[in-house]
PDB file of all heavy atoms in Angstrom:
ATOM      1  N   PRO A   1      11.274   3.437   3.667  1.00  0.00           N
ATOM      2  CA  PRO A   1      12.360   3.799   4.660  1.00  0.00           C
ATOM      3  C   PRO A   1      11.847   4.678   5.773  1.00  0.00           C
ATOM      4  O   PRO A   1      10.965   5.340   5.659  1.00  0.00           O
ATOM      5  CB  PRO A   1      13.298   4.585   3.771  1.00  0.00           C
ATOM      6  CG  PRO A   1      12.867   4.395   2.447  1.00  0.00           C
ATOM      7  CD  PRO A   1      11.429   4.048   2.431  1.00  0.00           C
ATOM      8  N   GLY A   2      12.464   4.476   6.940  1.00  0.00           N
ATOM      9  CA  GLY A   2      12.173   5.470   8.057  1.00  0.00           C
ATOM     10  C   GLY A   2      10.841   5.264   8.808  1.00  0.00           C
ATOM     11  O   GLY A   2      10.529   6.048   9.659  1.00  0.00           O
ATOM     12  N   ILE A   3      10.099   4.047   8.622  1.00  0.00           N
ATOM     13  CA  ILE A   3       8.924   3.837   9.395  1.00  0.00           C
ATOM     14  C   ILE A   3       9.406   3.410  10.731  1.00  0.00           C
ATOM     15  O   ILE A   3      10.507   2.773  10.967  1.00  0.00           O
ATOM     16  CB  ILE A   3       7.927   2.916   8.807  1.00  0.00           C
ATOM     17  CG1 ILE A   3       8.542   1.527   8.489  1.00  0.00           C
ATOM     18  CG2 ILE A   3       7.381   3.472   7.441  1.00  0.00           C
ATOM     19  CD1 ILE A   3       7.582   0.512   7.948  1.00  0.00           C
ATOM     20  N   THR A   4       8.583   3.551  11.806  1.00  0.00           N
ATOM     21  CA  THR A   4       8.907   3.190  13.096  1.00  0.00           C
ATOM     22  C   THR A   4       8.739   1.628  13.316  1.00  0.00           C
ATOM     23  O   THR A   4       8.036   0.979  12.523  1.00  0.00           O
ATOM     24  CB  THR A   4       8.023   3.820  14.170  1.00  0.00           C
ATOM     25  OG1 THR A   4       6.700   3.378  14.010  1.00  0.00           O
ATOM     26  CG2 THR A   4       7.940   5.401  13.937  1.00  0.00           C
ATOM     27  N   PRO A   5       9.379   1.108  14.354  1.00  0.00           N
ATOM     28  CA  PRO A   5       9.181  -0.367  14.597  1.00  0.00           C
ATOM     29  C   PRO A   5       7.699  -0.805  14.791  1.00  0.00           C
ATOM     30  O   PRO A   5       7.255  -1.829  14.275  1.00  0.00           O
ATOM     31  CB  PRO A   5       9.939  -0.577  15.939  1.00  0.00           C
ATOM     32  CG  PRO A   5      11.099   0.524  15.930  1.00  0.00           C
ATOM     33  CD  PRO A   5      10.383   1.660  15.230  1.00  0.00           C
ATOM     34  N   ASP A   6       6.884   0.106  15.436  1.00  0.00           N
ATOM     35  CA  ASP A   6       5.450  -0.142  15.622  1.00  0.00           C
ATOM     36  C   ASP A   6       4.749  -0.105  14.242  1.00  0.00           C
ATOM     37  O   ASP A   6       3.874  -0.920  13.925  1.00  0.00           O
ATOM     38  CB  ASP A   6       4.856   0.801  16.588  1.00  0.00           C
ATOM     39  CG  ASP A   6       5.075   0.415  18.013  1.00  0.00           C
ATOM     40  OD1 ASP A   6       5.603  -0.722  18.256  1.00  0.00           O
ATOM     41  OD2 ASP A   6       4.928   1.380  18.879  1.00  0.00           O
ATOM     42  N   GLN A   7       5.145   0.737  13.341  1.00  0.00           N
ATOM     43  CA  GLN A   7       4.463   0.892  12.054  1.00  0.00           C
ATOM     44  C   GLN A   7       4.902  -0.303  11.218  1.00  0.00           C
ATOM     45  O   GLN A   7       4.091  -0.891  10.522  1.00  0.00           O
ATOM     46  CB  GLN A   7       4.929   2.143  11.427  1.00  0.00           C
ATOM     47  CG  GLN A   7       4.322   3.392  11.905  1.00  0.00           C
ATOM     48  CD  GLN A   7       4.893   4.664  11.435  1.00  0.00           C
ATOM     49  OE1 GLN A   7       6.053   4.772  10.919  1.00  0.00           O
ATOM     50  NE2 GLN A   7       4.219   5.720  11.595  1.00  0.00           N
ATOM     51  N   ARG A   8       6.176  -0.778  11.303  1.00  0.00           N
ATOM     52  CA  ARG A   8       6.553  -1.967  10.619  1.00  0.00           C
ATOM     53  C   ARG A   8       5.759  -3.117  11.129  1.00  0.00           C
ATOM     54  O   ARG A   8       5.344  -4.044  10.302  1.00  0.00           O
ATOM     55  CB  ARG A   8       8.090  -2.168  10.866  1.00  0.00           C
ATOM     56  CG  ARG A   8       8.585  -3.495  10.294  1.00  0.00           C
ATOM     57  CD  ARG A   8      10.090  -3.827  10.521  1.00  0.00           C
ATOM     58  NE  ARG A   8      10.440  -5.058  10.024  1.00  0.00           N
ATOM     59  CZ  ARG A   8      11.650  -5.614  10.113  1.00  0.00           C
ATOM     60  NH1 ARG A   8      12.546  -5.008  10.829  1.00  0.00           N
ATOM     61  NH2 ARG A   8      11.853  -6.748   9.543  1.00  0.00           N
ATOM     62  N   LYS A   9       5.599  -3.307  12.388  1.00  0.00           N
ATOM     63  CA  LYS A   9       4.858  -4.405  12.953  1.00  0.00           C
ATOM     64  C   LYS A   9       3.457  -4.392  12.491  1.00  0.00           C
ATOM     65  O   LYS A   9       2.868  -5.408  12.104  1.00  0.00           O
ATOM     66  CB  LYS A   9       4.910  -4.313  14.533  1.00  0.00           C
ATOM     67  CG  LYS A   9       4.256  -5.439  15.204  1.00  0.00           C
ATOM     68  CD  LYS A   9       4.345  -5.372  16.776  1.00  0.00           C
ATOM     69  CE  LYS A   9       3.661  -6.463  17.452  1.00  0.00           C
ATOM     70  NZ  LYS A   9       3.830  -6.379  18.986  1.00  0.00           N
ATOM     71  N   ALA A  10       2.810  -3.273  12.463  1.00  0.00           N
ATOM     72  CA  ALA A  10       1.447  -3.171  11.977  1.00  0.00           C
ATOM     73  C   ALA A  10       1.346  -3.485  10.535  1.00  0.00           C
ATOM     74  O   ALA A  10       0.408  -4.200  10.102  1.00  0.00           O
ATOM     75  CB  ALA A  10       0.884  -1.745  12.247  1.00  0.00           C
ATOM     76  N   LEU A  11       2.271  -3.031   9.728  1.00  0.00           N
ATOM     77  CA  LEU A  11       2.188  -3.311   8.279  1.00  0.00           C
ATOM     78  C   LEU A  11       2.432  -4.769   8.046  1.00  0.00           C
ATOM     79  O   LEU A  11       1.763  -5.397   7.215  1.00  0.00           O
ATOM     80  CB  LEU A  11       3.276  -2.446   7.551  1.00  0.00           C
ATOM     81  CG  LEU A  11       3.166  -2.341   6.051  1.00  0.00           C
ATOM     82  CD1 LEU A  11       1.830  -1.795   5.577  1.00  0.00           C
ATOM     83  CD2 LEU A  11       4.416  -1.387   5.465  1.00  0.00           C
ATOM     84  N   THR A  12       3.325  -5.398   8.782  1.00  0.00           N
ATOM     85  CA  THR A  12       3.627  -6.838   8.701  1.00  0.00           C
ATOM     86  C   THR A  12       2.323  -7.589   9.047  1.00  0.00           C
ATOM     87  O   THR A  12       1.963  -8.582   8.378  1.00  0.00           O
ATOM     88  CB  THR A  12       4.748  -7.234   9.602  1.00  0.00           C
ATOM     89  OG1 THR A  12       5.934  -6.613   9.258  1.00  0.00           O
ATOM     90  CG2 THR A  12       4.998  -8.759   9.518  1.00  0.00           C
ATOM     91  N   SER A  13       1.604  -7.172  10.094  1.00  0.00           N
ATOM     92  CA  SER A  13       0.382  -7.831  10.491  1.00  0.00           C
ATOM     93  C   SER A  13      -0.688  -7.797   9.470  1.00  0.00           C
ATOM     94  O   SER A  13      -1.437  -8.770   9.197  1.00  0.00           O
ATOM     95  CB  SER A  13      -0.179  -7.194  11.766  1.00  0.00           C
ATOM     96  OG  SER A  13       0.637  -7.385  12.882  1.00  0.00           O
ATOM     97  N   MET A  14      -0.697  -6.706   8.673  1.00  0.00           N
ATOM     98  CA  MET A  14      -1.667  -6.537   7.612  1.00  0.00           C
ATOM     99  C   MET A  14      -1.353  -7.469   6.523  1.00  0.00           C
ATOM    100  O   MET A  14      -2.298  -8.163   5.957  1.00  0.00           O
ATOM    101  CB  MET A  14      -1.656  -5.066   7.091  1.00  0.00           C
ATOM    102  CG  MET A  14      -2.191  -4.060   8.072  1.00  0.00           C
ATOM    103  SD  MET A  14      -1.971  -2.359   7.527  1.00  0.00           S
ATOM    104  CE  MET A  14      -3.245  -2.264   6.252  1.00  0.00           C
ATOM    105  N   VAL A  15      -0.088  -7.623   6.117  1.00  0.00           N
ATOM    106  CA  VAL A  15       0.323  -8.522   5.087  1.00  0.00           C
ATOM    107  C   VAL A  15       0.099  -9.960   5.486  1.00  0.00           C
ATOM    108  O   VAL A  15      -0.359 -10.792   4.674  1.00  0.00           O
ATOM    109  CB  VAL A  15       1.823  -8.368   4.731  1.00  0.00           C
ATOM    110  CG1 VAL A  15       2.377  -9.444   3.868  1.00  0.00           C
ATOM    111  CG2 VAL A  15       2.035  -6.937   4.065  1.00  0.00           C
ATOM    112  N   LEU A  16       0.398 -10.345   6.673  1.00  0.00           N
ATOM    113  CA  LEU A  16       0.138 -11.704   7.221  1.00  0.00           C
ATOM    114  C   LEU A  16      -1.355 -11.966   7.218  1.00  0.00           C
ATOM    115  O   LEU A  16      -1.767 -13.121   6.799  1.00  0.00           O
ATOM    116  CB  LEU A  16       0.660 -11.864   8.675  1.00  0.00           C
ATOM    117  CG  LEU A  16       2.269 -11.765   8.795  1.00  0.00           C
ATOM    118  CD1 LEU A  16       2.567 -11.994  10.238  1.00  0.00           C
ATOM    119  CD2 LEU A  16       2.971 -12.724   7.851  1.00  0.00           C
ATOM    120  N   ALA A  17      -2.169 -10.976   7.472  1.00  0.00           N
ATOM    121  CA  ALA A  17      -3.602 -11.206   7.451  1.00  0.00           C
ATOM    122  C   ALA A  17      -4.037 -11.477   6.025  1.00  0.00           C
ATOM    123  O   ALA A  17      -4.881 -12.234   5.632  1.00  0.00           O
ATOM    124  CB  ALA A  17      -4.319 -10.018   7.975  1.00  0.00           C
ATOM    125  N   ALA A  18      -3.440 -10.714   5.022  1.00  0.00           N
ATOM    126  CA  ALA A  18      -3.842 -10.906   3.664  1.00  0.00           C
ATOM    127  C   ALA A  18      -3.467 -12.275   3.131  1.00  0.00           C
ATOM    128  O   ALA A  18      -4.214 -12.840   2.349  1.00  0.00           O
ATOM    129  CB  ALA A  18      -3.037  -9.909   2.799  1.00  0.00           C
ATOM    130  N   THR A  19      -2.427 -12.903   3.667  1.00  0.00           N
ATOM    131  CA  THR A  19      -2.030 -14.304   3.138  1.00  0.00           C
ATOM    132  C   THR A  19      -3.028 -15.336   3.711  1.00  0.00           C
ATOM    133  O   THR A  19      -2.918 -16.463   3.359  1.00  0.00           O
ATOM    134  CB  THR A  19      -0.620 -14.658   3.657  1.00  0.00           C
ATOM    135  OG1 THR A  19      -0.547 -14.675   5.124  1.00  0.00           O
ATOM    136  CG2 THR A  19       0.362 -13.602   3.104  1.00  0.00           C
ATOM    137  N   LYS A  20      -3.902 -14.958   4.614  1.00  0.00           N
ATOM    138  CA  LYS A  20      -4.950 -15.891   5.113  1.00  0.00           C
ATOM    139  C   LYS A  20      -6.240 -15.673   4.467  1.00  0.00           C
ATOM    140  O   LYS A  20      -7.232 -16.357   4.654  1.00  0.00           O
ATOM    141  CB  LYS A  20      -5.041 -15.753   6.651  1.00  0.00           C
ATOM    142  CG  LYS A  20      -3.841 -16.047   7.418  1.00  0.00           C
ATOM    143  CD  LYS A  20      -4.105 -15.825   8.941  1.00  0.00           C
ATOM    144  CE  LYS A  20      -2.876 -16.206   9.781  1.00  0.00           C
ATOM    145  NZ  LYS A  20      -1.638 -15.441   9.493  1.00  0.00           N
ATOM    146  N   ALA A  21      -6.308 -14.658   3.564  1.00  0.00           N
ATOM    147  CA  ALA A  21      -7.613 -14.332   2.907  1.00  0.00           C
ATOM    148  C   ALA A  21      -7.849 -15.331   1.727  1.00  0.00           C
ATOM    149  O   ALA A  21      -6.844 -15.801   1.048  1.00  0.00           O
ATOM    150  CB  ALA A  21      -7.523 -12.982   2.370  1.00  0.00           C
ATOM    151  N   PRO A  22      -9.075 -15.615   1.409  1.00  0.00           N
ATOM    152  CA  PRO A  22      -9.461 -16.498   0.315  1.00  0.00           C
ATOM    153  C   PRO A  22      -8.824 -16.008  -1.026  1.00  0.00           C
ATOM    154  O   PRO A  22      -8.503 -16.893  -1.874  1.00  0.00           O
ATOM    155  CB  PRO A  22     -11.003 -16.356   0.145  1.00  0.00           C
ATOM    156  CG  PRO A  22     -11.364 -16.127   1.657  1.00  0.00           C
ATOM    157  CD  PRO A  22     -10.331 -15.138   2.149  1.00  0.00           C
ATOM    158  N   ALA A  23      -8.780 -14.701  -1.244  1.00  0.00           N
ATOM    159  CA  ALA A  23      -8.228 -14.183  -2.536  1.00  0.00           C
ATOM    160  C   ALA A  23      -6.793 -14.578  -2.729  1.00  0.00           C
ATOM    161  O   ALA A  23      -6.320 -14.907  -3.854  1.00  0.00           O
ATOM    162  CB  ALA A  23      -8.395 -12.700  -2.560  1.00  0.00           C
ATOM    163  N   TRP A  24      -5.992 -14.638  -1.562  1.00  0.00           N
ATOM    164  CA  TRP A  24      -4.556 -15.041  -1.673  1.00  0.00           C
ATOM    165  C   TRP A  24      -4.521 -16.565  -2.041  1.00  0.00           C
ATOM    166  O   TRP A  24      -3.689 -16.975  -2.862  1.00  0.00           O
ATOM    167  CB  TRP A  24      -3.898 -14.691  -0.401  1.00  0.00           C
ATOM    168  CG  TRP A  24      -2.428 -14.972  -0.421  1.00  0.00           C
ATOM    169  CD1 TRP A  24      -1.733 -15.997   0.214  1.00  0.00           C
ATOM    170  CD2 TRP A  24      -1.367 -14.301  -1.247  1.00  0.00           C
ATOM    171  NE1 TRP A  24      -0.391 -15.905  -0.192  1.00  0.00           N
ATOM    172  CE2 TRP A  24      -0.144 -14.927  -1.080  1.00  0.00           C
ATOM    173  CE3 TRP A  24      -1.460 -13.144  -2.077  1.00  0.00           C
ATOM    174  CZ2 TRP A  24       0.999 -14.410  -1.610  1.00  0.00           C
ATOM    175  CZ3 TRP A  24      -0.330 -12.799  -2.718  1.00  0.00           C
ATOM    176  CH2 TRP A  24       0.872 -13.485  -2.441  1.00  0.00           C
TER     177      TRP A  24
END
């Protein structure tokens, strides 16, 4: 809760990057 829009965007980018990883 309470993270900024930019922090949400950055966290989303990290998760999206993870879904492109071989481990995923």
